[in-house]
Amino acid sequence: MSYSRFERRRSFDRLRRCSAALGMALLSIAACVSGDPASSQIIHNEGRFHDWQVIDTVSGQVVRLDDVMRELALQDVVYLGEEHHNRYHIEAALQVLRSLIERGRQPTLAMEMFGWDGQLAIDRYVSGQESDRSIFVEQSHWLQNWGGPFEDYEPLVQFVKDRQLPLVALNPPKSLVRMVMRQGLAAARSDPEMAQWGMKDESIVDDPLYRERIIRQLQQCHGGGEGLYQSMYEASMVRDEGMAKTVVERLAAIRSAGSPPAGPLVSYTGGGHIQYQLPVPKRVIRRAGLHVRQRSIYMTSFERDRASELEEMIRDKIADYIWLTPIGAQGPPRRCR
C-alpha cells in the first residue's frame, strides 16, 4: 500500500506531538511478571504515592530527592524525560540544574526541542551576542522544528543564558527526519541532506527490543498500515540515533575540557526517548562504551486512579527513577487505545 506525501507528513507531525503519549501507551501493555526484588517490595496501596515523590525503580521505594540529586552530580549524562508542555516538568528540570550547580558541577543542557540547524542561533543568544528574543526564536527555527509556545520552554533557555551554561540542540532537523519518513531509510542514505548533517555513514541500529516497543506504540496511537508504521519507525530510529550521536559528541567535548566540575550533560526530551533505556540511553552506551555513567528520570503526572499502571512502570523499570508531578494545565497525557 502506498501513502501520499501529505499523509506521511501529517503522520510525522502526529508522531512528534504524541511522543509523551507514546511512552504512556506502554502502561496498557501487560507487564512481564518477574521475580526480582523490586516486584515483591511494591505495596498495592492506593494511597502509597503522591505528587513530587521520586521512586527508585530498583527498590520500588520512594527515595529522598536530596539523595537522588547527590547521585546525579556524579554522572556523565542525566536523562530527563518529560510530558510535553507540562510546566511542572520544567520546574523539576530547573531543580536538577540548580542542584548540580550547588554541588559544584557545570552542567550542559541538551534539549530535544531544538534542531541542529538552530545551534548557531542558540550559541549567539546564550552568549549574549544576540539579545532580541524574537530573532532568536526565528533563527533557531523553533516553529519549524518544534512548534507550540516557546514560552513553555523559555525558563530552561533563560536559566542557562543567565548562568552562561552551554545549550545544545539535541534533535536532527525536522526536514531530515521527514525525508527519512518519506523515502525510507535505505533510500534516504543517498540523499545529500544525510551527508549535510553527518548522518550518511552513521550506524543506525535496528534493535529488536526497541522495534517491538516502538511498533507496538505506533499501532496503538496511529491509524495506517504496516508500510506507514515502518516509515514512522525508521524516522524514530534516525531521531534517537541522532540524539545519541549528539550526546556522545558533546560528552567528548566536556571531557576534553579537562576540568573536573564540567558536566554532566543533562538531556531533556520527551519521556518516550528514554523509556526502558532503549531509544537514546542504550545507543549512547553503544557509541561511547560502558564507562559512561548515566541515570534516567521519567517524569510523569500523578493520577491517583492509575496507581496500578504506575506500579507496572516501576516493575518494568521504565527509567532509573520515576518523578511524580502534578498534572499540567493541558491535563493528563492522552492515552492511546
C-alpha atoms as a PDB file:
ATOM      1  CA  MET A   1       0.000   0.000   0.000  1.00  0.00           C
ATOM      2  CA  SER A   2       1.356   3.458  -0.874  1.00  0.00           C
ATOM      3  CA  TYR A   3       0.833   6.690   1.086  1.00  0.00           C
ATOM      4  CA  SER A   4       0.709  10.253  -0.170  1.00  0.00           C
ATOM      5  CA  ARG A   5       3.299  12.823   0.853  1.00  0.00           C
ATOM      6  CA  PHE A   6       0.577  14.707   2.718  1.00  0.00           C
ATOM      7  CA  GLU A   7      -0.398  11.633   4.733  1.00  0.00           C
ATOM      8  CA  ARG A   8       3.206  10.891   5.655  1.00  0.00           C
ATOM      9  CA  ARG A   9       3.822  14.481   6.696  1.00  0.00           C
ATOM     10  CA  ARG A  10       0.646  14.570   8.761  1.00  0.00           C
ATOM     11  CA  SER A  11       1.602  11.286  10.436  1.00  0.00           C
ATOM     12  CA  PHE A  12       5.068  12.617  11.235  1.00  0.00           C
ATOM     13  CA  ASP A  13       3.556  15.645  12.936  1.00  0.00           C
ATOM     14  CA  ARG A  14       1.232  13.404  14.944  1.00  0.00           C
ATOM     15  CA  LEU A  15       4.214  11.256  15.921  1.00  0.00           C
ATOM     16  CA  ARG A  16       6.110  14.236  17.353  1.00  0.00           C
ATOM     17  CA  ARG A  17       3.106  15.682  19.171  1.00  0.00           C
ATOM     18  CA  CYS A  18       2.309  12.348  20.749  1.00  0.00           C
ATOM     19  CA  SER A  19       5.824  11.388  21.857  1.00  0.00           C
ATOM     20  CA  ALA A  20       4.880  11.724  25.508  1.00  0.00           C
ATOM     21  CA  ALA A  21       1.678   9.772  24.931  1.00  0.00           C
ATOM     22  CA  LEU A  22       3.633   7.000  23.238  1.00  0.00           C
ATOM     23  CA  GLY A  23       5.602   6.480  26.414  1.00  0.00           C
ATOM     24  CA  MET A  24       2.415   6.315  28.429  1.00  0.00           C
ATOM     25  CA  ALA A  25       0.855   3.900  25.920  1.00  0.00           C
ATOM     26  CA  LEU A  26       3.022   1.162  27.337  1.00  0.00           C
ATOM     27  CA  LEU A  27       1.006   1.365  30.518  1.00  0.00           C
ATOM     28  CA  SER A  28      -1.798  -0.507  28.788  1.00  0.00           C
ATOM     29  CA  ILE A  29       0.507  -3.352  27.737  1.00  0.00           C
ATOM     30  CA  ALA A  30       0.596  -6.298  30.085  1.00  0.00           C
ATOM     31  CA  ALA A  31       3.825  -6.237  32.061  1.00  0.00           C
ATOM     32  CA  CYS A  32       6.021  -9.287  32.193  1.00  0.00           C
ATOM     33  CA  VAL A  33       5.930 -10.756  35.677  1.00  0.00           C
ATOM     34  CA  SER A  34       9.417 -11.007  37.077  1.00  0.00           C
ATOM     35  CA  GLY A  35      10.795 -12.459  40.245  1.00  0.00           C
ATOM     36  CA  ASP A  36      13.116  -9.578  41.037  1.00  0.00           C
ATOM     37  CA  PRO A  37      13.128  -7.986  44.498  1.00  0.00           C
ATOM     38  CA  ALA A  38      11.517  -4.749  43.304  1.00  0.00           C
ATOM     39  CA  SER A  39       8.323  -6.570  42.387  1.00  0.00           C
ATOM     40  CA  SER A  40       7.916  -8.111  45.819  1.00  0.00           C
ATOM     41  CA  GLN A  41       8.512  -4.776  47.548  1.00  0.00           C
ATOM     42  CA  ILE A  42       5.661  -2.959  45.796  1.00  0.00           C
ATOM     43  CA  ILE A  43       2.757  -2.429  48.182  1.00  0.00           C
ATOM     44  CA  HIS A  44      -0.617  -2.374  46.444  1.00  0.00           C
ATOM     45  CA  ASN A  45      -1.972   0.576  48.343  1.00  0.00           C
ATOM     46  CA  GLU A  46      -3.930   3.312  46.589  1.00  0.00           C
ATOM     47  CA  GLY A  47      -2.555   5.939  48.976  1.00  0.00           C
ATOM     48  CA  ARG A  48       1.074   4.918  48.694  1.00  0.00           C
ATOM     49  CA  PHE A  49       2.169   7.612  46.254  1.00  0.00           C
ATOM     50  CA  HIS A  50       1.604  11.315  45.780  1.00  0.00           C
ATOM     51  CA  ASP A  51       2.973  14.065  43.582  1.00  0.00           C
ATOM     52  CA  TRP A  52       6.554  15.308  43.930  1.00  0.00           C
ATOM     53  CA  GLN A  53       7.762  11.933  45.136  1.00  0.00           C
ATOM     54  CA  VAL A  54      10.707  10.209  43.430  1.00  0.00           C
ATOM     55  CA  ILE A  55      10.654   6.413  43.110  1.00  0.00           C
ATOM     56  CA  ASP A  56      13.743   4.246  42.705  1.00  0.00           C
ATOM     57  CA  THR A  57      12.670   1.505  40.265  1.00  0.00           C
ATOM     58  CA  VAL A  58      15.336  -0.922  41.516  1.00  0.00           C
ATOM     59  CA  SER A  59      13.973  -1.000  45.056  1.00  0.00           C
ATOM     60  CA  GLY A  60      10.425   0.051  44.163  1.00  0.00           C
ATOM     61  CA  GLN A  61      10.576   2.534  47.034  1.00  0.00           C
ATOM     62  CA  VAL A  62      10.204   6.286  47.395  1.00  0.00           C
ATOM     63  CA  VAL A  63      13.608   7.896  47.942  1.00  0.00           C
ATOM     64  CA  ARG A  64      14.756  11.277  49.226  1.00  0.00           C
ATOM     65  CA  LEU A  65      15.152  13.857  46.490  1.00  0.00           C
ATOM     66  CA  ASP A  66      18.404  15.046  48.029  1.00  0.00           C
ATOM     67  CA  ASP A  67      19.858  11.542  47.714  1.00  0.00           C
ATOM     68  CA  VAL A  68      18.873  11.426  44.049  1.00  0.00           C
ATOM     69  CA  MET A  69      20.448  14.825  43.395  1.00  0.00           C
ATOM     70  CA  ARG A  70      23.657  13.706  45.073  1.00  0.00           C
ATOM     71  CA  GLU A  71      23.805  10.709  42.735  1.00  0.00           C
ATOM     72  CA  LEU A  72      23.051  12.800  39.649  1.00  0.00           C
ATOM     73  CA  ALA A  73      26.011  15.042  40.447  1.00  0.00           C
ATOM     74  CA  LEU A  74      28.296  12.010  39.972  1.00  0.00           C
ATOM     75  CA  GLN A  75      27.057  11.182  36.461  1.00  0.00           C
ATOM     76  CA  ASP A  76      28.340  11.915  32.966  1.00  0.00           C
ATOM     77  CA  VAL A  77      24.829  12.045  31.490  1.00  0.00           C
ATOM     78  CA  VAL A  78      21.468  12.689  33.148  1.00  0.00           C
ATOM     79  CA  TYR A  79      18.336  11.935  31.096  1.00  0.00           C
ATOM     80  CA  LEU A  80      15.139  13.789  31.972  1.00  0.00           C
ATOM     81  CA  GLY A  81      12.031  12.536  30.179  1.00  0.00           C
ATOM     82  CA  GLU A  82       9.024  14.857  30.219  1.00  0.00           C
ATOM     83  CA  GLU A  83       5.384  15.139  29.216  1.00  0.00           C
ATOM     84  CA  HIS A  84       5.430  17.930  26.658  1.00  0.00           C
ATOM     85  CA  HIS A  85       4.293  21.390  27.772  1.00  0.00           C
ATOM     86  CA  ASN A  86       3.925  20.400  31.448  1.00  0.00           C
ATOM     87  CA  ARG A  87       5.296  23.337  33.465  1.00  0.00           C
ATOM     88  CA  TYR A  88       5.878  21.121  36.485  1.00  0.00           C
ATOM     89  CA  HIS A  89       8.391  19.128  34.473  1.00  0.00           C
ATOM     90  CA  ILE A  90      10.188  22.326  33.565  1.00  0.00           C
ATOM     91  CA  GLU A  91      10.283  23.165  37.289  1.00  0.00           C
ATOM     92  CA  ALA A  92      11.720  19.730  38.053  1.00  0.00           C
ATOM     93  CA  ALA A  93      14.418  20.163  35.407  1.00  0.00           C
ATOM     94  CA  LEU A  94      15.348  23.559  36.808  1.00  0.00           C
ATOM     95  CA  GLN A  95      15.626  21.966  40.238  1.00  0.00           C
ATOM     96  CA  VAL A  96      18.081  19.416  38.836  1.00  0.00           C
ATOM     97  CA  LEU A  97      20.183  22.111  37.156  1.00  0.00           C
ATOM     98  CA  ARG A  98      20.276  24.238  40.312  1.00  0.00           C
ATOM     99  CA  SER A  99      21.272  21.242  42.425  1.00  0.00           C
ATOM    100  CA  LEU A 100      24.118  20.337  40.073  1.00  0.00           C
ATOM    101  CA  ILE A 101      25.479  23.879  40.253  1.00  0.00           C
ATOM    102  CA  GLU A 102      25.153  23.941  44.042  1.00  0.00           C
ATOM    103  CA  ARG A 103      27.188  20.725  44.157  1.00  0.00           C
ATOM    104  CA  GLY A 104      29.996  22.297  42.171  1.00  0.00           C
ATOM    105  CA  ARG A 105      29.171  20.989  38.702  1.00  0.00           C
ATOM    106  CA  GLN A 106      28.838  22.953  35.451  1.00  0.00           C
ATOM    107  CA  PRO A 107      26.047  21.209  33.531  1.00  0.00           C
ATOM    108  CA  THR A 108      25.436  21.344  29.801  1.00  0.00           C
ATOM    109  CA  LEU A 109      21.757  21.317  28.851  1.00  0.00           C
ATOM    110  CA  ALA A 110      20.746  19.476  25.661  1.00  0.00           C
ATOM    111  CA  MET A 111      17.127  19.915  24.503  1.00  0.00           C
ATOM    112  CA  GLU A 112      15.090  17.836  22.072  1.00  0.00           C
ATOM    113  CA  MET A 113      13.041  20.956  21.315  1.00  0.00           C
ATOM    114  CA  PHE A 114      15.845  22.416  19.177  1.00  0.00           C
ATOM    115  CA  GLY A 115      17.140  21.005  15.892  1.00  0.00           C
ATOM    116  CA  TRP A 116      20.776  21.015  14.812  1.00  0.00           C
ATOM    117  CA  ASP A 117      20.011  23.721  12.263  1.00  0.00           C
ATOM    118  CA  GLY A 118      19.363  26.115  15.159  1.00  0.00           C
ATOM    119  CA  GLN A 119      22.665  25.651  17.004  1.00  0.00           C
ATOM    120  CA  LEU A 120      24.354  28.801  15.692  1.00  0.00           C
ATOM    121  CA  ALA A 121      21.394  30.931  16.769  1.00  0.00           C
ATOM    122  CA  ILE A 122      21.404  29.211  20.177  1.00  0.00           C
ATOM    123  CA  ASP A 123      25.088  29.945  20.695  1.00  0.00           C
ATOM    124  CA  ARG A 124      24.613  33.618  19.800  1.00  0.00           C
ATOM    125  CA  TYR A 125      21.604  34.040  22.083  1.00  0.00           C
ATOM    126  CA  VAL A 126      23.020  32.241  25.118  1.00  0.00           C
ATOM    127  CA  SER A 127      26.336  34.095  24.852  1.00  0.00           C
ATOM    128  CA  GLY A 128      24.587  37.450  24.611  1.00  0.00           C
ATOM    129  CA  GLN A 129      25.720  38.229  21.048  1.00  0.00           C
ATOM    130  CA  GLU A 130      22.031  38.297  20.094  1.00  0.00           C
ATOM    131  CA  SER A 131      19.672  39.833  22.633  1.00  0.00           C
ATOM    132  CA  ASP A 132      16.469  40.006  20.609  1.00  0.00           C
ATOM    133  CA  ARG A 133      14.232  37.149  21.748  1.00  0.00           C
ATOM    134  CA  SER A 134      12.028  37.201  18.639  1.00  0.00           C
ATOM    135  CA  ILE A 135      15.065  36.987  16.349  1.00  0.00           C
ATOM    136  CA  PHE A 136      16.348  34.045  18.385  1.00  0.00           C
ATOM    137  CA  VAL A 137      13.045  32.174  18.105  1.00  0.00           C
ATOM    138  CA  GLU A 138      13.020  32.762  14.351  1.00  0.00           C
ATOM    139  CA  GLN A 139      16.654  31.917  13.659  1.00  0.00           C
ATOM    140  CA  SER A 140      16.656  28.838  15.870  1.00  0.00           C
ATOM    141  CA  HIS A 141      13.775  27.514  13.707  1.00  0.00           C
ATOM    142  CA  TRP A 142      11.642  26.905  16.778  1.00  0.00           C
ATOM    143  CA  LEU A 143       8.330  26.772  14.935  1.00  0.00           C
ATOM    144  CA  GLN A 144       9.659  24.529  12.159  1.00  0.00           C
ATOM    145  CA  ASN A 145      11.406  22.038  14.442  1.00  0.00           C
ATOM    146  CA  TRP A 146       9.137  22.016  17.461  1.00  0.00           C
ATOM    147  CA  GLY A 147       6.170  24.376  17.374  1.00  0.00           C
ATOM    148  CA  GLY A 148       3.904  25.350  20.217  1.00  0.00           C
ATOM    149  CA  PRO A 149       4.553  28.284  22.554  1.00  0.00           C
ATOM    150  CA  PHE A 150       8.232  28.998  23.095  1.00  0.00           C
ATOM    151  CA  GLU A 151       7.193  30.389  26.492  1.00  0.00           C
ATOM    152  CA  ASP A 152       6.568  26.830  27.707  1.00  0.00           C
ATOM    153  CA  TYR A 153      10.293  26.035  27.489  1.00  0.00           C
ATOM    154  CA  GLU A 154      11.748  29.502  27.849  1.00  0.00           C
ATOM    155  CA  PRO A 155      12.555  29.102  31.580  1.00  0.00           C
ATOM    156  CA  LEU A 156      15.142  26.445  30.694  1.00  0.00           C
ATOM    157  CA  VAL A 157      16.701  28.596  27.986  1.00  0.00           C
ATOM    158  CA  GLN A 158      16.734  31.655  30.243  1.00  0.00           C
ATOM    159  CA  PHE A 159      18.322  29.687  33.078  1.00  0.00           C
ATOM    160  CA  VAL A 160      21.342  28.607  31.038  1.00  0.00           C
ATOM    161  CA  LYS A 161      21.555  32.034  29.405  1.00  0.00           C
ATOM    162  CA  ASP A 162      21.691  33.787  32.779  1.00  0.00           C
ATOM    163  CA  ARG A 163      24.424  31.442  34.001  1.00  0.00           C
ATOM    164  CA  GLN A 164      26.346  31.233  30.718  1.00  0.00           C
ATOM    165  CA  LEU A 165      25.972  27.460  30.530  1.00  0.00           C
ATOM    166  CA  PRO A 166      26.117  25.594  27.201  1.00  0.00           C
ATOM    167  CA  LEU A 167      22.793  24.846  25.461  1.00  0.00           C
ATOM    168  CA  VAL A 168      22.799  22.105  22.840  1.00  0.00           C
ATOM    169  CA  ALA A 169      20.322  21.375  20.060  1.00  0.00           C
ATOM    170  CA  LEU A 170      19.738  17.662  20.542  1.00  0.00           C
ATOM    171  CA  ASN A 171      17.453  16.785  17.627  1.00  0.00           C
ATOM    172  CA  PRO A 172      18.225  16.231  13.939  1.00  0.00           C
ATOM    173  CA  PRO A 173      16.485  18.885  11.813  1.00  0.00           C
ATOM    174  CA  LYS A 174      12.834  18.144  11.190  1.00  0.00           C
ATOM    175  CA  SER A 175      13.391  18.265   7.441  1.00  0.00           C
ATOM    176  CA  LEU A 176      15.887  15.398   7.713  1.00  0.00           C
ATOM    177  CA  VAL A 177      13.533  13.209   9.723  1.00  0.00           C
ATOM    178  CA  ARG A 178      10.650  13.944   7.350  1.00  0.00           C
ATOM    179  CA  MET A 179      12.844  12.990   4.420  1.00  0.00           C
ATOM    180  CA  VAL A 180      13.616   9.618   6.018  1.00  0.00           C
ATOM    181  CA  MET A 181       9.932   9.039   6.646  1.00  0.00           C
ATOM    182  CA  ARG A 182       9.050   9.972   3.073  1.00  0.00           C
ATOM    183  CA  GLN A 183      11.765   7.966   1.301  1.00  0.00           C
ATOM    184  CA  GLY A 184      12.510   5.203   3.772  1.00  0.00           C
ATOM    185  CA  LEU A 185      15.886   4.809   5.459  1.00  0.00           C
ATOM    186  CA  ALA A 186      17.579   2.786   2.717  1.00  0.00           C
ATOM    187  CA  ALA A 187      16.811   5.354   0.011  1.00  0.00           C
ATOM    188  CA  ALA A 188      17.426   8.307   2.332  1.00  0.00           C
ATOM    189  CA  ARG A 189      21.030   7.201   2.903  1.00  0.00           C
ATOM    190  CA  SER A 190      21.968   8.599  -0.510  1.00  0.00           C
ATOM    191  CA  ASP A 191      20.125  11.903  -0.069  1.00  0.00           C
ATOM    192  CA  PRO A 192      22.522  14.902   0.197  1.00  0.00           C
ATOM    193  CA  GLU A 193      20.776  16.046   3.392  1.00  0.00           C
ATOM    194  CA  MET A 194      22.043  12.944   5.214  1.00  0.00           C
ATOM    195  CA  ALA A 195      25.600  13.874   4.314  1.00  0.00           C
ATOM    196  CA  GLN A 196      24.997  17.534   5.132  1.00  0.00           C
ATOM    197  CA  TRP A 197      24.117  16.656   8.731  1.00  0.00           C
ATOM    198  CA  GLY A 198      26.732  13.936   9.199  1.00  0.00           C
ATOM    199  CA  MET A 199      24.280  11.022   9.216  1.00  0.00           C
ATOM    200  CA  LYS A 200      25.104   9.370   5.874  1.00  0.00           C
ATOM    201  CA  ASP A 201      27.622   6.895   7.270  1.00  0.00           C
ATOM    202  CA  GLU A 202      26.303   6.691  10.813  1.00  0.00           C
ATOM    203  CA  SER A 203      25.421   3.285  12.226  1.00  0.00           C
ATOM    204  CA  ILE A 204      21.649   3.293  12.806  1.00  0.00           C
ATOM    205  CA  VAL A 205      20.975   0.129  14.768  1.00  0.00           C
ATOM    206  CA  ASP A 206      17.647  -1.675  14.438  1.00  0.00           C
ATOM    207  CA  ASP A 207      17.455  -3.097  17.968  1.00  0.00           C
ATOM    208  CA  PRO A 208      14.804  -5.867  18.300  1.00  0.00           C
ATOM    209  CA  LEU A 209      13.567  -4.717  21.719  1.00  0.00           C
ATOM    210  CA  TYR A 210      13.394  -1.117  20.534  1.00  0.00           C
ATOM    211  CA  ARG A 211      11.499  -2.193  17.413  1.00  0.00           C
ATOM    212  CA  GLU A 212       8.982  -4.197  19.440  1.00  0.00           C
ATOM    213  CA  ARG A 213       8.251  -1.260  21.771  1.00  0.00           C
ATOM    214  CA  ILE A 214       8.034   1.433  19.109  1.00  0.00           C
ATOM    215  CA  ILE A 215       5.981  -0.519  16.546  1.00  0.00           C
ATOM    216  CA  ARG A 216       3.502  -1.559  19.230  1.00  0.00           C
ATOM    217  CA  GLN A 217       3.115   2.048  20.335  1.00  0.00           C
ATOM    218  CA  LEU A 218       2.643   3.234  16.761  1.00  0.00           C
ATOM    219  CA  GLN A 219      -0.060   0.633  16.221  1.00  0.00           C
ATOM    220  CA  GLN A 220      -1.833   1.783  19.367  1.00  0.00           C
ATOM    221  CA  CYS A 221      -1.580   5.509  18.643  1.00  0.00           C
ATOM    222  CA  HIS A 222      -1.861   5.821  14.866  1.00  0.00           C
ATOM    223  CA  GLY A 223      -4.052   4.576  12.061  1.00  0.00           C
ATOM    224  CA  GLY A 224      -2.447   3.184   8.924  1.00  0.00           C
ATOM    225  CA  GLY A 225      -0.892   0.024   7.551  1.00  0.00           C
ATOM    226  CA  GLU A 226       2.420  -1.736   8.052  1.00  0.00           C
ATOM    227  CA  GLY A 227       4.127   0.382   5.387  1.00  0.00           C
ATOM    228  CA  LEU A 228       3.325   3.573   7.242  1.00  0.00           C
ATOM    229  CA  TYR A 229       4.352   2.073  10.600  1.00  0.00           C
ATOM    230  CA  GLN A 230       7.699   1.045   9.100  1.00  0.00           C
ATOM    231  CA  SER A 231       8.448   4.509   7.720  1.00  0.00           C
ATOM    232  CA  MET A 232       7.479   6.132  11.032  1.00  0.00           C
ATOM    233  CA  TYR A 233       9.632   3.617  12.873  1.00  0.00           C
ATOM    234  CA  GLU A 234      12.646   4.351  10.677  1.00  0.00           C
ATOM    235  CA  ALA A 235      12.163   8.081  11.266  1.00  0.00           C
ATOM    236  CA  SER A 236      12.095   7.381  15.019  1.00  0.00           C
ATOM    237  CA  MET A 237      15.325   5.412  14.748  1.00  0.00           C
ATOM    238  CA  VAL A 238      17.067   8.274  12.964  1.00  0.00           C
ATOM    239  CA  ARG A 239      15.890  10.775  15.578  1.00  0.00           C
ATOM    240  CA  ASP A 240      17.039   8.652  18.518  1.00  0.00           C
ATOM    241  CA  GLU A 241      20.336   7.728  16.854  1.00  0.00           C
ATOM    242  CA  GLY A 242      20.908  11.386  16.019  1.00  0.00           C
ATOM    243  CA  MET A 243      20.232  12.432  19.596  1.00  0.00           C
ATOM    244  CA  ALA A 244      22.596   9.732  20.890  1.00  0.00           C
ATOM    245  CA  LYS A 245      25.242  10.971  18.450  1.00  0.00           C
ATOM    246  CA  THR A 246      24.854  14.500  19.819  1.00  0.00           C
ATOM    247  CA  VAL A 247      25.103  13.319  23.424  1.00  0.00           C
ATOM    248  CA  VAL A 248      28.302  11.369  22.772  1.00  0.00           C
ATOM    249  CA  GLU A 249      29.946  14.179  20.802  1.00  0.00           C
ATOM    250  CA  ARG A 250      29.141  16.741  23.487  1.00  0.00           C
ATOM    251  CA  LEU A 251      30.242  14.371  26.231  1.00  0.00           C
ATOM    252  CA  ALA A 252      33.611  14.031  24.493  1.00  0.00           C
ATOM    253  CA  ALA A 253      33.903  17.827  24.334  1.00  0.00           C
ATOM    254  CA  ILE A 254      33.097  18.118  28.051  1.00  0.00           C
ATOM    255  CA  ARG A 255      35.737  15.535  28.926  1.00  0.00           C
ATOM    256  CA  SER A 256      38.368  17.141  26.697  1.00  0.00           C
ATOM    257  CA  ALA A 257      37.940  20.410  28.585  1.00  0.00           C
ATOM    258  CA  GLY A 258      39.933  18.767  31.366  1.00  0.00           C
ATOM    259  CA  SER A 259      38.006  20.493  34.129  1.00  0.00           C
ATOM    260  CA  PRO A 260      36.524  18.087  36.716  1.00  0.00           C
ATOM    261  CA  PRO A 261      33.491  20.297  37.504  1.00  0.00           C
ATOM    262  CA  ALA A 262      32.424  20.348  33.828  1.00  0.00           C
ATOM    263  CA  GLY A 263      29.267  18.367  33.144  1.00  0.00           C
ATOM    264  CA  PRO A 264      27.162  16.395  33.424  1.00  0.00           C
ATOM    265  CA  LEU A 265      25.278  16.659  30.171  1.00  0.00           C
ATOM    266  CA  VAL A 266      21.578  16.963  31.047  1.00  0.00           C
ATOM    267  CA  SER A 267      19.420  15.594  28.217  1.00  0.00           C
ATOM    268  CA  TYR A 268      15.879  16.983  28.218  1.00  0.00           C
ATOM    269  CA  THR A 269      13.469  15.097  25.934  1.00  0.00           C
ATOM    270  CA  GLY A 270      10.042  13.584  25.844  1.00  0.00           C
ATOM    271  CA  GLY A 271       9.730  10.544  28.086  1.00  0.00           C
ATOM    272  CA  GLY A 272       9.401   8.261  25.078  1.00  0.00           C
ATOM    273  CA  HIS A 273      13.051   8.850  24.176  1.00  0.00           C
ATOM    274  CA  ILE A 274      14.410   7.396  27.423  1.00  0.00           C
ATOM    275  CA  GLN A 275      11.868   4.674  28.254  1.00  0.00           C
ATOM    276  CA  TYR A 276      13.380   1.357  29.333  1.00  0.00           C
ATOM    277  CA  GLN A 277      16.815   2.789  28.335  1.00  0.00           C
ATOM    278  CA  LEU A 278      16.147   1.696  24.729  1.00  0.00           C
ATOM    279  CA  PRO A 279      15.731   4.783  22.496  1.00  0.00           C
ATOM    280  CA  VAL A 280      18.667   7.071  23.425  1.00  0.00           C
ATOM    281  CA  PRO A 281      20.487   5.801  26.576  1.00  0.00           C
ATOM    282  CA  LYS A 282      21.260   2.370  25.109  1.00  0.00           C
ATOM    283  CA  ARG A 283      22.523   3.943  21.873  1.00  0.00           C
ATOM    284  CA  VAL A 284      24.784   6.252  23.876  1.00  0.00           C
ATOM    285  CA  ILE A 285      26.320   3.258  25.671  1.00  0.00           C
ATOM    286  CA  ARG A 286      26.865   1.510  22.330  1.00  0.00           C
ATOM    287  CA  ARG A 287      28.601   4.562  20.901  1.00  0.00           C
ATOM    288  CA  ALA A 288      30.606   5.664  23.925  1.00  0.00           C
ATOM    289  CA  GLY A 289      31.299   2.412  25.748  1.00  0.00           C
ATOM    290  CA  LEU A 290      30.269   1.023  29.111  1.00  0.00           C
ATOM    291  CA  HIS A 291      32.387   3.545  31.015  1.00  0.00           C
ATOM    292  CA  VAL A 292      29.673   6.214  30.644  1.00  0.00           C
ATOM    293  CA  ARG A 293      27.959   6.923  33.963  1.00  0.00           C
ATOM    294  CA  GLN A 294      24.330   7.784  33.318  1.00  0.00           C
ATOM    295  CA  ARG A 295      20.987   7.903  35.096  1.00  0.00           C
ATOM    296  CA  SER A 296      17.472   8.427  33.738  1.00  0.00           C
ATOM    297  CA  ILE A 297      14.449  10.103  35.340  1.00  0.00           C
ATOM    298  CA  TYR A 298      10.996   9.599  33.858  1.00  0.00           C
ATOM    299  CA  MET A 299       8.716  12.463  34.880  1.00  0.00           C
ATOM    300  CA  THR A 300       5.011  11.686  34.858  1.00  0.00           C
ATOM    301  CA  SER A 301       1.781  13.310  36.034  1.00  0.00           C
ATOM    302  CA  PHE A 302       0.498  11.595  39.149  1.00  0.00           C
ATOM    303  CA  GLU A 303      -3.072  10.318  38.758  1.00  0.00           C
ATOM    304  CA  ARG A 304      -4.324   8.585  41.863  1.00  0.00           C
ATOM    305  CA  ASP A 305      -6.796   6.403  39.996  1.00  0.00           C
ATOM    306  CA  ARG A 306      -3.986   4.986  37.809  1.00  0.00           C
ATOM    307  CA  ALA A 307      -1.792   3.710  40.654  1.00  0.00           C
ATOM    308  CA  SER A 308      -1.720   0.168  39.238  1.00  0.00           C
ATOM    309  CA  GLU A 309      -0.267   1.442  35.973  1.00  0.00           C
ATOM    310  CA  LEU A 310       2.393   3.334  37.889  1.00  0.00           C
ATOM    311  CA  GLU A 311       3.345   0.104  39.611  1.00  0.00           C
ATOM    312  CA  GLU A 312       3.683  -1.565  36.195  1.00  0.00           C
ATOM    313  CA  MET A 313       6.131   1.172  35.200  1.00  0.00           C
ATOM    314  CA  ILE A 314       8.122   0.524  38.352  1.00  0.00           C
ATOM    315  CA  ARG A 315       8.200  -3.234  37.787  1.00  0.00           C
ATOM    316  CA  ASP A 316       9.242  -2.805  34.138  1.00  0.00           C
ATOM    317  CA  LYS A 317      11.841  -0.183  35.176  1.00  0.00           C
ATOM    318  CA  ILE A 318      10.819   2.484  32.706  1.00  0.00           C
ATOM    319  CA  ALA A 319      13.807   4.517  33.971  1.00  0.00           C
ATOM    320  CA  ASP A 320      16.186   4.535  36.911  1.00  0.00           C
ATOM    321  CA  TYR A 321      13.826   6.901  38.715  1.00  0.00           C
ATOM    322  CA  ILE A 322      10.207   7.981  38.290  1.00  0.00           C
ATOM    323  CA  TRP A 323       9.424  11.537  39.392  1.00  0.00           C
ATOM    324  CA  LEU A 324       5.734  12.103  40.123  1.00  0.00           C
ATOM    325  CA  THR A 325       4.456  15.617  39.457  1.00  0.00           C
ATOM    326  CA  PRO A 326       1.112  17.403  39.432  1.00  0.00           C
ATOM    327  CA  ILE A 327      -0.913  17.247  36.237  1.00  0.00           C
ATOM    328  CA  GLY A 328      -0.107  20.051  33.793  1.00  0.00           C
ATOM    329  CA  ALA A 329      -2.514  22.763  32.631  1.00  0.00           C
ATOM    330  CA  GLN A 330      -3.355  20.783  29.487  1.00  0.00           C
ATOM    331  CA  GLY A 331      -4.496  17.833  31.567  1.00  0.00           C
ATOM    332  CA  PRO A 332      -3.062  14.317  31.726  1.00  0.00           C
ATOM    333  CA  PRO A 333      -1.320  12.998  28.601  1.00  0.00           C
ATOM    334  CA  ARG A 334      -3.509  11.340  26.010  1.00  0.00           C
ATOM    335  CA  ARG A 335      -3.575   7.571  26.312  1.00  0.00           C
ATOM    336  CA  CYS A 336      -3.741   5.558  23.125  1.00  0.00           C
ATOM    337  CA  ARG A 337      -6.116   2.676  22.576  1.00  0.00           C
END
